[in-house]
């Protein structure tokens, strides 16, 4: 769309650009085409665009991707977009606030990419809502005021480096691409904008507790010129920490790299399983087709020889009826990096199913309960269960969660309708054992 066409579209929609809403519309069609090209789309992709406005970016995606999901805050612009793309079945328009939009509804659309000419007034809040972990995106292209992009990509020791830098870089590789001058917008902002591409971080950081990481960086930058030691909570001996990090005792938070902040977080993490996704020497009961014990073997032997053994899965629900799902750590020996039941695990040798369910709730999610979980199904061993006799339990929990980072990357509550749609659309996103449990659960 040209500048003239965009002004006419705004006039037709009855929209006078609002400074309060951060409405600055991109009017350079060549720039719009280039920005969209940075998504590197394929015909199988779905794309979420936040703040599409008049559709100057959207028009370069329609008909080229499997689905285009537009999230527009301004009701008049949302209605205009619905009218403009009314004959395009691949386009869905949501009149919604990107700061509050329920990102859980997007997982079923994977593979998924993110695009946003984000409002200056709330771009950071939109990113926090939709691009923080867990998120369903494999690539994101964003445009924001240049000073914010500089902060997202900042390096240690610079004035722009801080909490926003670390929160973002813990999940994404941030690559600024180019500066966009005020003349490319209507109305013209008083500052430059920048475009950046974000790709999921894959550089081999060790697993870490992201919530603890966030707490520590908030403390570390509360007074950025103050020595880090004086801002952190009580923890391991400071001498041991600085020796491990290879820094001076008077180091400030702004001097630590992302990798050092992760190592600091791991040093503060008291969880006994923070380094142990599994132990190959664990001893399990070997059973027959009737679930009768015939002997014992180590975890490694059971899995290598496909011996029949025992396991539990627990579906945990909150007061809204949402189901807790966990994303397995990439260190797991089976089904790494995919979504799974709220908790699951093998029975130790001599352990009962119910005792194992209670133990796994505590070990994997920090859930303690006075009421034993309710058994709701039994599943016979098969290749999908990993040759496990599985007993499926139901539990209720509305409190906090505490999980070991070596085993679990993240956990989130999902509405059942979203799980159903997600499983139907992308079953490969889930561990096969969960899929067997879900199939059984949905027929109860």
Foldseek 3Di string as FASTA:
>chain_A
DAPVVLVVLCVVLVHDDDVLQLDWAFHDLVVLLVLLVVQVDAQAEEEEEEACQQPSNVVNPQPGYQAYEYEHQDPSSLVNVCVVCVVRPRYDGHNDDLLPDDQLLCQLRPVYEYEYQHRQNCRVSSCVRAVAPPHNYFKYKYKYFPLLLCLCQDWFPDPSDALNVLRNVVFWHKDWDDKAAQVSIVPGDPGIMTMIMIGTDDPDQQFFDVVLLSVLRCQLVVPQVAFSVVRDDDAPPLVVLCVVLVHDSRDGPSRDGSSSSRVVRVRRDPQPCQPPQDDQQFKFFFADQVRHGDGIDGNVVCLVVLTATAKEAEWEAEPVRFTKKFQWDQLHPAPHGAIAHNWMDGAGYPGDHQVRVQVRCCAAWVDHDPDGWAFDDWDGADVQLSNYGYTYTYYYDDDHTDGHRNTTVDMDTGHPVSVVSSCVSCVVRYRSNRVVVVVVVVVD
